[in-house]
């Protein structure tokens, strides 16, 4: 999809969608937590779209930049929004709602970027210098948001999917499941480096992308 772009062109069209994808994902967690009784993120000034409040030097800048110039794709993360689960009114239920908020925001953003791409595709040919960058930006916005959504829904703590699974399990099984969390990052890295991760999430990502492209009239 983006093979005809140089690394510098890819970097230019990827910056905005990637920033929005990871920042809004975290803000969504904090916003829902605030609505459900925990104002920790609000008190710390994290319920803002100002990327400076959320930037992780490694996950938001270094990793995405290196990936774009090496493998031609951006992936990253922001500083997690702090949440005190004990402040939630119904901790077990509300934990699931807070966890689902991030992937849900990514899905909505993917649809929004699909509309951006569709609008760009309808512009006159003589406006190609405007429409082409926005078309690529919209397509990349769909891709990065769907990848983040599907990745975060993997039921491996500490992902959002891990939180969802923990909240849905009976208390005894939930406590056993939560013991995986200290090793979750290493499990995810092993899956990523072995290539198994993309084999698992790739078909799901492609299917959802096709669905969004169909819904927004790109196909």
N, C-alpha and C. Protein backbone atom coordinates (compact mmCIF):
# COMPACT_ATOMS: atom_id res chain seq x y z
N UNK A 1 0.82 -1.22 0.00
CA UNK A 1 0.00 0.00 0.00
C UNK A 1 0.85 1.26 0.00
N UNK A 2 1.99 1.22 0.72
CA UNK A 2 2.83 2.41 0.83
C UNK A 2 4.22 2.19 0.25
N UNK A 3 4.38 1.11 -0.53
CA UNK A 3 5.70 0.76 -1.03
C UNK A 3 6.25 1.80 -2.00
N UNK A 4 5.38 2.57 -2.65
CA UNK A 4 5.85 3.57 -3.61
C UNK A 4 6.34 4.84 -2.94
N UNK A 5 6.18 4.94 -1.62
CA UNK A 5 6.62 6.12 -0.89
C UNK A 5 8.04 5.93 -0.38
N UNK A 6 8.80 7.01 -0.38
CA UNK A 6 10.13 6.97 0.23
C UNK A 6 9.97 6.98 1.74
N UNK A 7 11.00 6.59 2.50
CA UNK A 7 10.89 6.64 3.96
C UNK A 7 10.53 8.02 4.49
N UNK A 8 11.03 9.07 3.82
CA UNK A 8 10.74 10.44 4.28
C UNK A 8 9.28 10.80 4.00
N UNK A 9 8.76 10.38 2.86
CA UNK A 9 7.35 10.62 2.56
C UNK A 9 6.46 9.84 3.53
N UNK A 10 6.84 8.59 3.80
CA UNK A 10 6.07 7.79 4.73
C UNK A 10 6.08 8.41 6.12
N UNK A 11 7.23 8.90 6.52
CA UNK A 11 7.33 9.56 7.83
C UNK A 11 6.39 10.76 7.89
N UNK A 12 6.35 11.55 6.81
CA UNK A 12 5.52 12.75 6.79
C UNK A 12 4.04 12.42 6.91
N UNK A 13 3.59 11.37 6.22
CA UNK A 13 2.16 11.08 6.26
C UNK A 13 1.79 10.26 7.51
N UNK A 14 2.78 9.67 8.19
CA UNK A 14 2.50 8.81 9.34
C UNK A 14 2.48 9.56 10.67
N UNK A 15 3.13 10.72 10.74
CA UNK A 15 3.29 11.41 12.02
C UNK A 15 1.95 11.72 12.67
N UNK A 16 1.07 12.41 11.95
CA UNK A 16 -0.20 12.84 12.54
C UNK A 16 -1.09 11.65 12.92
N UNK A 17 -1.34 10.69 12.02
CA UNK A 17 -2.18 9.55 12.42
C UNK A 17 -1.62 8.77 13.61
N UNK A 18 -0.28 8.60 13.64
CA UNK A 18 0.31 7.83 14.74
C UNK A 18 0.16 8.56 16.07
N UNK A 19 0.42 9.88 16.06
CA UNK A 19 0.27 10.66 17.29
C UNK A 19 -1.16 10.60 17.80
N UNK A 20 -2.12 10.83 16.90
CA UNK A 20 -3.52 10.79 17.31
C UNK A 20 -3.89 9.41 17.83
N UNK A 21 -3.42 8.37 17.15
CA UNK A 21 -3.79 7.00 17.52
C UNK A 21 -3.38 6.67 18.94
N UNK A 22 -2.14 7.03 19.31
CA UNK A 22 -1.66 6.64 20.63
C UNK A 22 -2.10 7.61 21.72
N UNK A 23 -2.22 8.91 21.38
CA UNK A 23 -2.63 9.89 22.39
C UNK A 23 -4.11 9.75 22.73
N UNK A 24 -4.97 9.69 21.70
CA UNK A 24 -6.41 9.58 21.96
C UNK A 24 -6.73 8.25 22.65
N UNK A 25 -5.98 7.21 22.31
CA UNK A 25 -6.16 5.91 22.99
C UNK A 25 -6.01 6.08 24.50
N UNK A 26 -4.95 6.76 24.93
CA UNK A 26 -4.70 6.93 26.36
C UNK A 26 -5.71 7.89 26.99
N UNK A 27 -6.04 8.97 26.28
CA UNK A 27 -7.01 9.93 26.82
C UNK A 27 -8.37 9.25 27.02
N UNK A 28 -8.73 8.35 26.11
CA UNK A 28 -10.01 7.64 26.23
C UNK A 28 -10.06 6.83 27.52
N UNK A 29 -8.94 6.16 27.86
CA UNK A 29 -8.90 5.42 29.13
C UNK A 29 -9.16 6.37 30.30
N UNK A 30 -8.44 7.48 30.32
CA UNK A 30 -8.57 8.42 31.43
C UNK A 30 -9.94 9.07 31.50
N UNK A 31 -10.51 9.39 30.34
CA UNK A 31 -11.82 10.05 30.31
C UNK A 31 -12.89 9.12 30.86
N UNK A 32 -12.89 7.86 30.45
CA UNK A 32 -13.88 6.90 30.94
C UNK A 32 -13.67 6.65 32.43
N UNK A 33 -12.42 6.52 32.86
CA UNK A 33 -12.14 6.33 34.28
C UNK A 33 -12.67 7.51 35.10
N UNK A 34 -12.49 8.72 34.58
CA UNK A 34 -12.98 9.91 35.27
C UNK A 34 -14.50 9.88 35.41
N UNK A 35 -15.17 9.43 34.35
CA UNK A 35 -16.63 9.34 34.38
C UNK A 35 -17.11 8.28 35.37
N UNK A 36 -16.26 7.29 35.63
CA UNK A 36 -16.65 6.17 36.48
C UNK A 36 -16.12 6.29 37.91
N UNK A 37 -15.55 7.45 38.25
CA UNK A 37 -15.20 7.70 39.64
C UNK A 37 -13.74 7.94 39.95
N UNK A 38 -12.83 7.68 38.99
CA UNK A 38 -11.40 7.89 39.27
C UNK A 38 -10.91 9.11 38.50
N UNK A 39 -10.59 10.18 39.22
CA UNK A 39 -10.16 11.42 38.56
C UNK A 39 -8.65 11.60 38.56
N UNK A 40 -7.90 10.50 38.74
CA UNK A 40 -6.44 10.58 38.80
C UNK A 40 -5.87 11.23 37.54
N UNK A 41 -6.28 10.76 36.38
CA UNK A 41 -5.76 11.30 35.12
C UNK A 41 -6.14 12.78 34.97
N UNK A 42 -7.36 13.12 35.37
CA UNK A 42 -7.81 14.51 35.28
C UNK A 42 -6.96 15.41 36.18
N UNK A 43 -6.72 14.99 37.41
CA UNK A 43 -5.94 15.78 38.36
C UNK A 43 -4.50 15.97 37.90
N UNK A 44 -3.99 15.02 37.13
CA UNK A 44 -2.61 15.10 36.64
C UNK A 44 -2.52 15.78 35.27
N UNK A 45 -3.62 16.31 34.78
CA UNK A 45 -3.62 17.03 33.52
C UNK A 45 -3.45 16.15 32.30
N UNK A 46 -3.86 14.88 32.40
CA UNK A 46 -3.66 13.95 31.29
C UNK A 46 -4.89 13.82 30.37
N UNK A 47 -5.99 14.50 30.72
CA UNK A 47 -7.17 14.44 29.84
C UNK A 47 -7.09 15.58 28.82
N UNK A 48 -6.04 15.57 28.05
CA UNK A 48 -5.80 16.59 27.04
C UNK A 48 -5.23 15.93 25.80
N UNK A 49 -5.51 16.54 24.64
CA UNK A 49 -4.95 16.02 23.39
C UNK A 49 -3.58 16.62 23.08
N UNK A 50 -3.06 17.43 23.99
CA UNK A 50 -1.72 17.97 23.82
C UNK A 50 -0.71 16.82 23.89
N UNK A 51 -0.06 16.48 22.77
CA UNK A 51 0.83 15.30 22.78
C UNK A 51 1.99 15.43 23.74
N UNK A 52 2.38 16.66 24.09
CA UNK A 52 3.51 16.85 25.00
C UNK A 52 3.23 16.24 26.37
N UNK A 53 1.94 16.15 26.73
CA UNK A 53 1.57 15.58 28.03
C UNK A 53 1.64 14.05 28.02
N UNK A 54 1.71 13.46 26.84
CA UNK A 54 1.62 12.00 26.74
C UNK A 54 2.86 11.35 26.13
N UNK A 55 3.77 12.16 25.61
CA UNK A 55 4.90 11.60 24.88
C UNK A 55 5.81 10.77 25.77
N UNK A 56 6.09 9.58 25.29
CA UNK A 56 7.14 8.74 25.87
C UNK A 56 8.31 8.82 24.88
N UNK A 57 9.48 9.31 25.30
CA UNK A 57 10.58 9.51 24.35
C UNK A 57 10.92 8.28 23.51
N UNK A 58 10.82 7.11 24.12
CA UNK A 58 11.13 5.88 23.39
C UNK A 58 9.93 5.44 22.55
N UNK A 59 8.78 5.28 23.18
CA UNK A 59 7.62 4.70 22.50
C UNK A 59 6.94 5.61 21.51
N UNK A 60 7.00 6.93 21.74
CA UNK A 60 6.30 7.86 20.87
C UNK A 60 7.19 8.45 19.79
N UNK A 61 8.50 8.48 20.02
CA UNK A 61 9.40 9.13 19.06
C UNK A 61 10.40 8.14 18.47
N UNK A 62 11.22 7.54 19.33
CA UNK A 62 12.33 6.72 18.84
C UNK A 62 11.85 5.47 18.10
N UNK A 63 10.99 4.67 18.72
CA UNK A 63 10.55 3.42 18.10
C UNK A 63 9.81 3.65 16.79
N UNK A 64 8.78 4.55 16.73
CA UNK A 64 8.11 4.76 15.44
C UNK A 64 9.05 5.25 14.34
N UNK A 65 9.97 6.17 14.68
CA UNK A 65 10.89 6.69 13.67
C UNK A 65 11.81 5.59 13.14
N UNK A 66 12.35 4.78 14.04
CA UNK A 66 13.23 3.69 13.61
C UNK A 66 12.48 2.68 12.74
N UNK A 67 11.25 2.37 13.11
CA UNK A 67 10.48 1.40 12.34
C UNK A 67 10.16 1.92 10.94
N UNK A 68 9.82 3.20 10.83
CA UNK A 68 9.50 3.76 9.52
C UNK A 68 10.70 3.67 8.59
N UNK A 69 11.89 3.97 9.11
CA UNK A 69 13.08 4.00 8.26
C UNK A 69 13.73 2.62 8.10
N UNK A 70 13.20 1.61 8.79
CA UNK A 70 13.77 0.26 8.65
C UNK A 70 12.80 -0.72 8.01
N UNK A 71 11.58 -0.79 8.54
CA UNK A 71 10.62 -1.76 8.00
C UNK A 71 9.44 -1.11 7.30
N UNK A 72 9.42 0.24 7.28
CA UNK A 72 8.36 0.93 6.54
C UNK A 72 7.02 0.96 7.24
N UNK A 73 7.01 0.86 8.56
CA UNK A 73 5.75 0.94 9.29
C UNK A 73 6.02 1.57 10.65
N UNK A 74 5.02 2.30 11.16
CA UNK A 74 5.16 2.95 12.45
C UNK A 74 4.33 2.23 13.49
N UNK A 75 4.91 2.06 14.67
CA UNK A 75 4.18 1.49 15.79
C UNK A 75 4.78 2.09 17.05
N UNK A 76 3.94 2.42 18.00
CA UNK A 76 4.50 3.03 19.21
C UNK A 76 3.47 3.07 20.33
N UNK A 77 3.82 3.81 21.37
CA UNK A 77 2.93 3.92 22.51
C UNK A 77 3.20 5.24 23.22
N UNK A 78 2.22 5.69 23.99
CA UNK A 78 2.38 6.88 24.81
C UNK A 78 2.54 6.46 26.27
N UNK A 79 2.81 7.45 27.13
CA UNK A 79 2.86 7.15 28.57
C UNK A 79 1.47 6.70 29.01
N UNK A 80 1.36 5.56 29.69
CA UNK A 80 0.04 5.12 30.14
C UNK A 80 -0.62 6.15 31.06
N UNK A 81 -1.90 6.35 30.87
CA UNK A 81 -2.65 7.25 31.75
C UNK A 81 -2.80 6.56 33.11
N UNK A 82 -2.44 7.24 34.20
CA UNK A 82 -2.54 6.61 35.53
C UNK A 82 -3.99 6.43 35.94
N UNK A 83 -4.31 5.25 36.42
CA UNK A 83 -5.67 4.95 36.87
C UNK A 83 -5.59 4.23 38.20
N UNK A 84 -6.35 4.70 39.16
CA UNK A 84 -6.46 4.03 40.47
C UNK A 84 -7.74 3.20 40.44
N UNK A 85 -7.57 1.89 40.22
CA UNK A 85 -8.74 1.03 40.06
C UNK A 85 -9.61 1.01 41.30
N UNK A 86 -9.04 1.30 42.47
CA UNK A 86 -9.81 1.28 43.72
C UNK A 86 -10.81 2.43 43.80
N UNK A 87 -10.60 3.47 42.99
CA UNK A 87 -11.51 4.61 43.01
C UNK A 87 -12.76 4.39 42.16
N UNK A 88 -12.74 3.39 41.31
CA UNK A 88 -13.89 3.13 40.43
C UNK A 88 -15.08 2.66 41.27
N UNK A 89 -16.27 3.08 40.87
CA UNK A 89 -17.47 2.77 41.66
C UNK A 89 -17.74 1.27 41.69
N UNK A 90 -17.58 0.61 40.58
CA UNK A 90 -17.77 -0.84 40.49
C UNK A 90 -16.50 -1.41 39.85
N UNK A 91 -15.44 -1.60 40.64
CA UNK A 91 -14.10 -1.88 40.08
C UNK A 91 -14.05 -2.97 39.01
N UNK A 92 -14.69 -4.10 39.24
CA UNK A 92 -14.56 -5.21 38.28
C UNK A 92 -15.24 -4.86 36.96
N UNK A 93 -16.46 -4.33 37.02
CA UNK A 93 -17.16 -3.96 35.80
C UNK A 93 -16.50 -2.77 35.12
N UNK A 94 -16.16 -1.76 35.93
CA UNK A 94 -15.62 -0.53 35.37
C UNK A 94 -14.23 -0.73 34.79
N UNK A 95 -13.46 -1.69 35.31
CA UNK A 95 -12.16 -1.98 34.74
C UNK A 95 -12.30 -2.41 33.28
N UNK A 96 -13.34 -3.21 33.01
CA UNK A 96 -13.58 -3.64 31.63
C UNK A 96 -13.93 -2.46 30.74
N UNK A 97 -14.76 -1.54 31.24
CA UNK A 97 -15.16 -0.38 30.45
C UNK A 97 -13.98 0.54 30.17
N UNK A 98 -13.14 0.75 31.18
CA UNK A 98 -11.95 1.59 31.01
C UNK A 98 -11.00 0.94 30.01
N UNK A 99 -10.80 -0.35 30.13
CA UNK A 99 -9.89 -1.06 29.22
C UNK A 99 -10.40 -1.01 27.78
N UNK A 100 -11.71 -1.15 27.60
CA UNK A 100 -12.28 -1.17 26.25
C UNK A 100 -12.26 0.21 25.60
N UNK A 101 -12.14 1.26 26.40
CA UNK A 101 -12.22 2.62 25.86
C UNK A 101 -11.11 2.92 24.87
N UNK A 102 -9.89 2.45 25.14
CA UNK A 102 -8.77 2.72 24.24
C UNK A 102 -8.96 2.10 22.87
N UNK A 103 -9.16 0.77 22.78
CA UNK A 103 -9.42 0.15 21.49
C UNK A 103 -10.66 0.72 20.80
N UNK A 104 -11.68 1.05 21.59
CA UNK A 104 -12.88 1.64 21.00
C UNK A 104 -12.58 2.97 20.33
N UNK A 105 -11.73 3.78 20.98
CA UNK A 105 -11.33 5.06 20.38
C UNK A 105 -10.55 4.83 19.09
N UNK A 106 -9.70 3.81 19.07
CA UNK A 106 -8.95 3.50 17.84
C UNK A 106 -9.87 3.10 16.70
N UNK A 107 -10.93 2.36 17.01
CA UNK A 107 -11.88 1.97 15.97
C UNK A 107 -12.58 3.19 15.39
N UNK A 108 -13.02 4.10 16.26
CA UNK A 108 -13.67 5.32 15.78
C UNK A 108 -12.73 6.17 14.94
N UNK A 109 -11.46 6.25 15.38
CA UNK A 109 -10.49 7.03 14.61
C UNK A 109 -10.21 6.38 13.26
N UNK A 110 -10.19 5.05 13.21
CA UNK A 110 -9.97 4.36 11.94
C UNK A 110 -11.08 4.71 10.96
N UNK A 111 -12.33 4.73 11.43
CA UNK A 111 -13.45 5.12 10.58
C UNK A 111 -13.30 6.58 10.14
N UNK A 112 -12.89 7.44 11.07
CA UNK A 112 -12.69 8.86 10.73
C UNK A 112 -11.62 9.05 9.67
N UNK A 113 -10.51 8.34 9.80
CA UNK A 113 -9.46 8.43 8.78
C UNK A 113 -9.92 7.85 7.45
N UNK A 114 -10.81 6.85 7.52
CA UNK A 114 -11.38 6.33 6.28
C UNK A 114 -12.18 7.39 5.55
N UNK A 115 -12.91 8.20 6.30
CA UNK A 115 -13.68 9.30 5.69
C UNK A 115 -12.75 10.36 5.11
N UNK A 116 -11.63 10.62 5.80
CA UNK A 116 -10.63 11.56 5.27
C UNK A 116 -10.11 11.06 3.92
N UNK A 117 -9.77 9.77 3.86
CA UNK A 117 -9.26 9.19 2.61
C UNK A 117 -10.31 9.25 1.51
N UNK A 118 -11.57 8.98 1.87
CA UNK A 118 -12.64 9.01 0.87
C UNK A 118 -12.82 10.41 0.31
N UNK A 119 -12.84 11.41 1.18
CA UNK A 119 -12.98 12.79 0.73
C UNK A 119 -11.81 13.18 -0.19
N UNK A 120 -10.59 12.76 0.20
CA UNK A 120 -9.41 13.07 -0.61
C UNK A 120 -9.52 12.43 -1.99
N UNK A 121 -10.09 11.23 -2.04
CA UNK A 121 -10.21 10.53 -3.33
C UNK A 121 -11.22 11.19 -4.26
N UNK A 122 -12.10 12.02 -3.72
CA UNK A 122 -13.13 12.68 -4.52
C UNK A 122 -12.71 14.06 -5.03
N UNK A 123 -11.56 14.54 -4.58
CA UNK A 123 -11.10 15.86 -5.02
C UNK A 123 -10.70 15.81 -6.49
N UNK A 124 -10.81 16.94 -7.18
CA UNK A 124 -10.45 16.98 -8.61
C UNK A 124 -8.98 16.61 -8.84
N UNK A 125 -8.69 16.11 -10.03
CA UNK A 125 -7.34 15.66 -10.36
C UNK A 125 -6.32 16.77 -10.26
N UNK A 126 -6.73 18.01 -10.57
CA UNK A 126 -5.77 19.11 -10.53
C UNK A 126 -5.41 19.53 -9.10
N UNK A 127 -6.06 18.90 -8.10
CA UNK A 127 -5.71 19.15 -6.70
C UNK A 127 -4.94 17.96 -6.12
N UNK A 128 -4.27 17.22 -7.00
CA UNK A 128 -3.55 16.03 -6.56
C UNK A 128 -2.48 16.32 -5.53
N UNK A 129 -1.90 17.50 -5.56
CA UNK A 129 -0.87 17.84 -4.59
C UNK A 129 -1.44 17.94 -3.17
N UNK A 130 -2.78 18.11 -3.08
CA UNK A 130 -3.46 18.10 -1.78
C UNK A 130 -4.08 16.74 -1.49
N UNK A 131 -4.79 16.21 -2.50
CA UNK A 131 -5.55 14.98 -2.28
C UNK A 131 -4.66 13.77 -2.03
N UNK A 132 -3.53 13.68 -2.74
CA UNK A 132 -2.69 12.48 -2.60
C UNK A 132 -2.10 12.33 -1.20
N UNK A 133 -1.52 13.40 -0.61
CA UNK A 133 -1.02 13.25 0.76
C UNK A 133 -2.12 12.88 1.76
N UNK A 134 -3.31 13.50 1.60
CA UNK A 134 -4.39 13.20 2.53
C UNK A 134 -4.96 11.80 2.31
N UNK A 135 -4.93 11.33 1.07
CA UNK A 135 -5.37 9.96 0.80
C UNK A 135 -4.45 8.96 1.51
N UNK A 136 -3.13 9.14 1.34
CA UNK A 136 -2.18 8.25 2.00
C UNK A 136 -2.28 8.37 3.52
N UNK A 137 -2.46 9.61 4.01
CA UNK A 137 -2.56 9.82 5.45
C UNK A 137 -3.80 9.11 6.00
N UNK A 138 -4.91 9.20 5.27
CA UNK A 138 -6.13 8.53 5.71
C UNK A 138 -5.97 7.02 5.73
N UNK A 139 -5.35 6.47 4.68
CA UNK A 139 -5.14 5.03 4.62
C UNK A 139 -4.22 4.56 5.75
N UNK A 140 -3.17 5.36 6.00
CA UNK A 140 -2.27 4.99 7.10
C UNK A 140 -3.00 5.11 8.43
N UNK A 141 -3.86 6.11 8.56
CA UNK A 141 -4.63 6.28 9.79
C UNK A 141 -5.51 5.08 10.08
N UNK A 142 -6.13 4.53 9.02
CA UNK A 142 -6.92 3.31 9.20
C UNK A 142 -6.03 2.19 9.71
N UNK A 143 -4.90 1.99 9.05
CA UNK A 143 -4.01 0.88 9.37
C UNK A 143 -3.46 0.96 10.79
N UNK A 144 -2.91 2.10 11.17
CA UNK A 144 -2.27 2.20 12.48
C UNK A 144 -3.28 2.04 13.61
N UNK A 145 -4.49 2.58 13.42
CA UNK A 145 -5.50 2.46 14.47
C UNK A 145 -6.01 1.04 14.61
N UNK A 146 -6.18 0.35 13.49
CA UNK A 146 -6.65 -1.04 13.57
C UNK A 146 -5.57 -1.94 14.17
N UNK A 147 -4.31 -1.71 13.80
CA UNK A 147 -3.23 -2.50 14.39
C UNK A 147 -3.18 -2.29 15.90
N UNK A 148 -3.27 -1.03 16.34
CA UNK A 148 -3.24 -0.75 17.77
C UNK A 148 -4.44 -1.36 18.48
N UNK A 149 -5.60 -1.28 17.85
CA UNK A 149 -6.81 -1.83 18.46
C UNK A 149 -6.68 -3.34 18.65
N UNK A 150 -6.31 -4.04 17.57
CA UNK A 150 -6.23 -5.50 17.64
C UNK A 150 -5.12 -5.94 18.58
N UNK A 151 -3.96 -5.28 18.50
CA UNK A 151 -2.85 -5.61 19.39
C UNK A 151 -3.25 -5.45 20.85
N UNK A 152 -3.92 -4.35 21.16
CA UNK A 152 -4.29 -4.08 22.55
C UNK A 152 -5.39 -4.99 23.06
N UNK A 153 -6.10 -5.66 22.16
CA UNK A 153 -7.15 -6.58 22.59
C UNK A 153 -6.64 -8.00 22.80
N UNK A 154 -5.34 -8.22 22.55
CA UNK A 154 -4.77 -9.54 22.87
C UNK A 154 -4.92 -9.81 24.37
N UNK A 155 -5.43 -10.97 24.75
CA UNK A 155 -5.66 -11.26 26.18
C UNK A 155 -4.39 -11.64 26.93
N UNK A 156 -3.41 -10.75 26.85
CA UNK A 156 -2.14 -10.97 27.54
C UNK A 156 -1.86 -9.75 28.41
N UNK A 157 -1.97 -9.86 29.75
CA UNK A 157 -1.65 -8.70 30.58
C UNK A 157 -0.24 -8.20 30.27
N UNK A 158 0.02 -6.89 30.21
CA UNK A 158 -0.86 -5.81 30.69
C UNK A 158 -1.63 -5.10 29.57
N UNK A 159 -1.95 -5.75 28.47
CA UNK A 159 -2.72 -5.10 27.42
C UNK A 159 -4.15 -4.85 27.89
N UNK A 160 -4.88 -4.06 27.10
CA UNK A 160 -6.29 -3.82 27.42
C UNK A 160 -7.08 -5.12 27.37
N UNK A 161 -6.73 -5.99 26.44
CA UNK A 161 -7.39 -7.29 26.36
C UNK A 161 -7.15 -8.12 27.62
N UNK A 162 -5.95 -7.98 28.19
CA UNK A 162 -5.65 -8.65 29.44
C UNK A 162 -6.53 -8.13 30.57
N UNK A 163 -6.73 -6.79 30.61
CA UNK A 163 -7.61 -6.20 31.62
C UNK A 163 -9.04 -6.68 31.44
N UNK A 164 -9.48 -6.73 30.18
CA UNK A 164 -10.84 -7.20 29.90
C UNK A 164 -11.02 -8.64 30.35
N UNK A 165 -10.06 -9.48 30.00
CA UNK A 165 -10.15 -10.88 30.39
C UNK A 165 -10.17 -11.02 31.91
N UNK A 166 -9.34 -10.27 32.60
CA UNK A 166 -9.28 -10.34 34.05
C UNK A 166 -10.60 -9.93 34.68
N UNK A 167 -11.24 -8.91 34.11
CA UNK A 167 -12.50 -8.42 34.67
C UNK A 167 -13.65 -9.38 34.42
N UNK A 168 -13.54 -10.19 33.38
CA UNK A 168 -14.62 -11.12 33.03
C UNK A 168 -14.49 -12.47 33.72
N UNK A 169 -13.28 -12.80 34.17
CA UNK A 169 -13.06 -14.10 34.82
C UNK A 169 -13.59 -14.09 36.25
N UNK A 170 -13.96 -15.23 36.76
CA UNK A 170 -14.31 -15.32 38.19
C UNK A 170 -13.12 -14.88 39.04
N UNK A 171 -13.38 -14.37 40.24
CA UNK A 171 -12.30 -13.81 41.08
C UNK A 171 -11.07 -14.71 41.23
N UNK A 172 -11.29 -16.00 41.48
CA UNK A 172 -10.16 -16.90 41.69
C UNK A 172 -9.32 -17.02 40.43
N UNK A 173 -9.97 -17.24 39.29
CA UNK A 173 -9.24 -17.36 38.03
C UNK A 173 -8.61 -16.03 37.64
N UNK A 174 -9.29 -14.93 37.98
CA UNK A 174 -8.76 -13.61 37.67
C UNK A 174 -7.44 -13.37 38.39
N UNK A 175 -7.36 -13.76 39.65
CA UNK A 175 -6.11 -13.58 40.42
C UNK A 175 -4.99 -14.42 39.83
N UNK A 176 -5.30 -15.63 39.41
CA UNK A 176 -4.29 -16.48 38.78
C UNK A 176 -3.83 -15.87 37.46
N UNK A 177 -4.79 -15.40 36.67
CA UNK A 177 -4.48 -14.80 35.37
C UNK A 177 -3.60 -13.56 35.53
N UNK A 178 -3.87 -12.75 36.55
CA UNK A 178 -3.12 -11.51 36.76
C UNK A 178 -1.65 -11.76 37.08
N UNK A 179 -1.32 -12.97 37.52
CA UNK A 179 0.07 -13.28 37.83
C UNK A 179 0.95 -13.31 36.58
N UNK A 180 0.31 -13.36 35.42
CA UNK A 180 1.06 -13.36 34.15
C UNK A 180 1.61 -11.98 33.84
N UNK A 181 1.02 -10.92 34.42
CA UNK A 181 1.35 -9.55 34.03
C UNK A 181 2.84 -9.20 34.07
N UNK A 182 3.60 -9.60 35.11
CA UNK A 182 5.03 -9.25 35.11
C UNK A 182 5.80 -9.82 33.92
N UNK A 183 5.25 -10.86 33.29
CA UNK A 183 5.93 -11.50 32.17
C UNK A 183 5.28 -11.16 30.82
N UNK A 184 4.19 -10.38 30.88
CA UNK A 184 3.43 -10.11 29.67
C UNK A 184 4.24 -9.42 28.59
N UNK A 185 5.04 -8.43 28.96
CA UNK A 185 5.84 -7.70 27.98
C UNK A 185 6.82 -8.63 27.29
N UNK A 186 7.43 -9.52 28.04
CA UNK A 186 8.40 -10.47 27.45
C UNK A 186 7.69 -11.44 26.51
N UNK A 187 6.47 -11.85 26.87
CA UNK A 187 5.69 -12.73 26.00
C UNK A 187 5.38 -12.02 24.68
N UNK A 188 4.96 -10.77 24.78
CA UNK A 188 4.62 -10.00 23.57
C UNK A 188 5.85 -9.78 22.70
N UNK A 189 6.99 -9.48 23.33
CA UNK A 189 8.22 -9.28 22.56
C UNK A 189 8.63 -10.57 21.85
N UNK A 190 8.49 -11.68 22.54
CA UNK A 190 8.84 -12.97 21.93
C UNK A 190 7.93 -13.26 20.74
N UNK A 191 6.65 -12.98 20.88
CA UNK A 191 5.71 -13.18 19.78
C UNK A 191 6.04 -12.27 18.61
N UNK A 192 6.44 -11.02 18.92
CA UNK A 192 6.77 -10.06 17.87
C UNK A 192 8.02 -10.47 17.11
N UNK A 193 9.08 -10.79 17.85
CA UNK A 193 10.36 -11.12 17.22
C UNK A 193 10.31 -12.45 16.47
N UNK A 194 9.45 -13.35 16.88
CA UNK A 194 9.34 -14.65 16.21
C UNK A 194 8.46 -14.59 14.97
N UNK A 195 7.73 -13.49 14.82
CA UNK A 195 6.82 -13.37 13.68
C UNK A 195 5.45 -13.96 13.94
N UNK A 196 5.29 -14.61 15.08
CA UNK A 196 4.00 -15.23 15.40
C UNK A 196 2.92 -14.17 15.62
N UNK A 197 3.32 -13.02 16.17
CA UNK A 197 2.34 -11.98 16.50
C UNK A 197 1.56 -11.55 15.27
N UNK A 198 2.28 -11.26 14.17
CA UNK A 198 1.58 -10.80 12.97
C UNK A 198 0.76 -11.93 12.35
N UNK A 199 1.23 -13.17 12.49
CA UNK A 199 0.45 -14.30 11.98
C UNK A 199 -0.89 -14.39 12.70
N UNK A 200 -0.90 -14.00 13.97
CA UNK A 200 -2.13 -14.05 14.77
C UNK A 200 -3.04 -12.86 14.45
N UNK A 201 -2.47 -11.65 14.48
CA UNK A 201 -3.32 -10.46 14.35
C UNK A 201 -3.48 -10.00 12.90
N UNK A 202 -2.56 -10.43 12.00
CA UNK A 202 -2.61 -9.96 10.62
C UNK A 202 -3.93 -10.20 9.92
N UNK A 203 -4.46 -11.43 9.93
CA UNK A 203 -5.73 -11.67 9.26
C UNK A 203 -6.88 -10.84 9.84
N UNK A 204 -6.86 -10.63 11.16
CA UNK A 204 -7.91 -9.82 11.80
C UNK A 204 -7.79 -8.37 11.36
N UNK A 205 -6.55 -7.85 11.37
CA UNK A 205 -6.31 -6.47 10.93
C UNK A 205 -6.78 -6.28 9.49
N UNK A 206 -6.41 -7.18 8.61
CA UNK A 206 -6.79 -7.06 7.20
C UNK A 206 -8.30 -7.11 7.01
N UNK A 207 -8.97 -7.97 7.76
CA UNK A 207 -10.43 -8.09 7.64
C UNK A 207 -11.13 -6.82 8.09
N UNK A 208 -10.67 -6.25 9.21
CA UNK A 208 -11.31 -5.02 9.71
C UNK A 208 -11.01 -3.85 8.79
N UNK A 209 -9.79 -3.81 8.24
CA UNK A 209 -9.46 -2.75 7.28
C UNK A 209 -10.37 -2.81 6.06
N UNK A 210 -10.58 -4.00 5.52
CA UNK A 210 -11.46 -4.15 4.37
C UNK A 210 -12.88 -3.72 4.71
N UNK A 211 -13.32 -4.04 5.91
CA UNK A 211 -14.67 -3.65 6.35
C UNK A 211 -14.80 -2.13 6.41
N UNK A 212 -13.79 -1.47 6.99
CA UNK A 212 -13.84 -0.01 7.11
C UNK A 212 -13.75 0.65 5.74
N UNK A 213 -12.90 0.12 4.86
CA UNK A 213 -12.81 0.66 3.51
C UNK A 213 -14.14 0.50 2.78
N UNK A 214 -14.84 -0.58 3.03
CA UNK A 214 -16.15 -0.79 2.41
C UNK A 214 -17.17 0.19 2.98
N UNK A 215 -17.18 0.34 4.30
CA UNK A 215 -18.13 1.23 4.96
C UNK A 215 -17.94 2.69 4.53
N UNK A 216 -16.69 3.09 4.31
CA UNK A 216 -16.40 4.48 3.94
C UNK A 216 -16.37 4.69 2.43
N UNK A 217 -16.66 3.65 1.67
CA UNK A 217 -16.74 3.80 0.21
C UNK A 217 -15.41 3.83 -0.50
N UNK A 218 -14.36 3.35 0.16
CA UNK A 218 -13.04 3.34 -0.48
C UNK A 218 -12.87 2.15 -1.41
N UNK A 219 -13.76 1.15 -1.29
CA UNK A 219 -13.67 -0.03 -2.16
C UNK A 219 -14.87 -0.05 -3.11
